[in-house]
């Protein structure tokens, strides 16, 4: 016969299991990510200190992975070494953005200068055409 086990012995033999859903590592959409924290309910068993630490460690790992992924993508888009420090990456990206802005402004100014020259040429051509063309009589007038 099996010895009768009291409730204290049951808890010692079976480890506590967390009722939390498995955390998702995808960062594509916030809808697919499970809700953080404890599930609601009156009869849930409290987490032990070890379980709380493990849960928080998992959240921290996810946060660091997301940050590292974003930094790698930014470094790739900026054409930098993927192992560059975050500070140097930000400096590099800011400098590239400023350079691009200056280049765009210079391009716009160059296009504006060309358009102004073209307008002047067209005005001169129009004025010359008006001077050369004989004046035509107005309709309804007779000589």
Protein backbone atom coordinates (compact mmCIF):
# COMPACT_ATOMS: atom_id res chain seq x y z
CA UNK A 1 0.00 0.00 0.00
CA UNK A 2 1.04 3.53 -0.66
CA UNK A 3 1.71 5.68 2.34
CA UNK A 4 -0.63 8.61 2.73
CA UNK A 5 1.01 11.84 1.69
CA UNK A 6 0.12 15.11 3.27
CA UNK A 7 -0.10 18.37 1.33
CA UNK A 8 3.42 19.47 2.38
CA UNK A 9 5.01 16.36 0.91
CA UNK A 10 3.15 16.84 -2.37
CA UNK A 11 4.61 20.30 -2.82
CA UNK A 12 8.13 19.11 -2.11
CA UNK A 13 8.02 16.23 -4.58
CA UNK A 14 6.49 18.16 -7.46
CA UNK A 15 8.18 21.38 -8.51
CA UNK A 16 5.97 24.39 -9.04
CA UNK A 17 5.10 25.15 -12.60
CA UNK A 18 4.52 28.63 -13.83
CA UNK A 19 1.17 29.30 -15.44
CA UNK A 20 2.68 31.88 -17.78
CA UNK A 21 2.58 31.37 -21.55
CA UNK A 22 5.84 30.71 -23.33
CA UNK A 23 7.49 34.04 -24.16
CA UNK A 24 7.76 34.82 -27.82
CA UNK A 25 11.07 35.93 -29.29
CA UNK A 26 9.56 37.44 -32.43
CA UNK A 27 9.54 41.21 -32.63
CA UNK A 28 7.39 41.46 -35.75
CA UNK A 29 4.17 42.47 -34.08
CA UNK A 30 3.09 43.30 -30.59
CA UNK A 31 -0.13 41.35 -31.11
CA UNK A 32 1.72 38.04 -31.37
CA UNK A 33 3.69 38.69 -28.21
CA UNK A 34 2.15 37.19 -25.08
CA UNK A 35 1.09 39.57 -22.38
CA UNK A 36 3.79 40.05 -19.78
CA UNK A 37 3.23 39.44 -16.11
CA UNK A 38 1.19 37.01 -14.14
CA UNK A 39 -2.12 35.62 -15.33
CA UNK A 40 -5.17 36.91 -13.52
CA UNK A 41 -7.10 34.71 -11.19
CA UNK A 42 -7.81 34.20 -7.53
CA UNK A 43 -6.47 30.66 -7.26
CA UNK A 44 -3.06 31.06 -8.82
CA UNK A 45 -0.06 29.90 -6.87
CA UNK A 46 2.45 32.62 -6.06
CA UNK A 47 5.80 32.45 -7.81
CA UNK A 48 8.83 31.54 -5.79
CA UNK A 49 11.77 33.91 -5.68
CA UNK A 50 13.66 31.67 -8.12
CA UNK A 51 10.74 31.70 -10.57
CA UNK A 52 10.46 35.48 -10.33
CA UNK A 53 14.17 35.85 -11.01
CA UNK A 54 13.99 33.42 -13.93
CA UNK A 55 11.03 35.31 -15.41
CA UNK A 56 12.78 38.66 -15.05
CA UNK A 57 15.97 37.21 -16.54
CA UNK A 58 13.96 35.98 -19.54
CA UNK A 59 12.43 39.44 -20.04
CA UNK A 60 15.88 41.01 -19.85
CA UNK A 61 17.27 38.51 -22.41
CA UNK A 62 14.41 39.35 -24.79
CA UNK A 63 15.00 43.07 -24.35
CA UNK A 64 18.72 42.73 -25.01
CA UNK A 65 18.13 40.51 -28.06
CA UNK A 66 15.70 43.05 -29.53
CA UNK A 67 18.13 45.90 -28.90
CA UNK A 68 21.03 43.96 -30.44
CA UNK A 69 18.93 43.08 -33.50
CA UNK A 70 17.90 46.71 -33.98
CA UNK A 71 21.51 47.85 -33.61
CA UNK A 72 22.71 45.26 -36.16
CA UNK A 73 20.04 46.37 -38.64
CA UNK A 74 20.97 50.03 -38.16
CA UNK A 75 24.67 49.26 -38.61
CA UNK A 76 23.90 47.30 -41.78
CA UNK A 77 21.74 50.11 -43.17
CA UNK A 78 24.46 52.66 -42.36
CA UNK A 79 27.15 50.48 -43.91
CA UNK A 80 29.09 50.10 -40.66
CA UNK A 81 30.75 47.14 -38.99
CA UNK A 82 28.05 45.14 -37.14
CA UNK A 83 30.29 44.98 -34.05
CA UNK A 84 30.62 48.77 -33.72
CA UNK A 85 29.81 50.24 -30.32
CA UNK A 86 26.41 51.81 -29.88
CA UNK A 87 27.88 55.26 -29.26
CA UNK A 88 30.06 55.16 -32.38
CA UNK A 89 27.16 53.82 -34.41
CA UNK A 90 24.94 56.73 -33.37
CA UNK A 91 27.69 59.25 -34.14
CA UNK A 92 28.25 57.66 -37.54
CA UNK A 93 24.54 57.64 -38.40
CA UNK A 94 24.08 61.27 -37.31
CA UNK A 95 27.05 62.38 -39.42
CA UNK A 96 25.71 60.51 -42.46
CA UNK A 97 22.27 62.07 -42.03
CA UNK A 98 23.78 65.56 -41.80
CA UNK A 99 25.89 64.91 -44.90
CA UNK A 100 22.86 63.64 -46.82
CA UNK A 101 20.90 66.73 -45.82
CA UNK A 102 23.68 69.04 -47.02
CA UNK A 103 23.91 67.11 -50.30
CA UNK A 104 20.16 67.40 -50.83
CA UNK A 105 20.25 71.14 -50.16
CA UNK A 106 23.14 71.57 -52.60
CA UNK A 107 21.26 69.55 -55.24
CA UNK A 108 18.15 71.69 -54.79
CA UNK A 109 20.19 74.90 -55.05
CA UNK A 110 21.91 73.61 -58.20
CA UNK A 111 18.56 72.72 -59.81
CA UNK A 112 17.17 76.14 -58.84
CA UNK A 113 20.14 77.91 -60.49
CA UNK A 114 19.60 75.92 -63.69
CA UNK A 115 15.89 76.72 -63.70
CA UNK A 116 16.55 80.44 -63.17
CA UNK A 117 18.96 80.46 -66.14
CA UNK A 118 16.38 78.67 -68.26
CA UNK A 119 13.71 81.21 -67.26
CA UNK A 120 16.01 84.11 -68.21
CA UNK A 121 16.71 82.53 -71.62
CA UNK A 122 13.01 81.98 -72.26
CA UNK A 123 12.17 85.57 -71.28
CA UNK A 124 14.89 86.89 -73.59
CA UNK A 125 13.65 84.70 -76.43
CA UNK A 126 10.07 85.90 -75.85
CA UNK A 127 11.13 89.57 -75.79
CA UNK A 128 13.16 89.15 -78.99
CA UNK A 129 10.27 87.36 -80.69
CA UNK A 130 7.91 90.22 -79.78
CA UNK A 131 10.32 92.82 -81.21
CA UNK A 132 10.95 90.94 -84.45
CA UNK A 133 7.36 89.95 -85.17
CA UNK A 134 5.46 92.61 -87.14
CA UNK A 135 2.57 94.09 -85.35
CA UNK A 136 -0.57 92.54 -86.62
CA UNK A 137 -3.67 94.68 -86.99
CA UNK A 138 -6.40 94.15 -84.51
CA UNK A 139 -9.48 92.44 -85.88
CA UNK A 140 -12.17 94.86 -86.86
CA UNK A 141 -9.80 97.70 -87.80
CA UNK A 142 -9.35 98.81 -91.40
CA UNK A 143 -6.54 100.61 -93.12
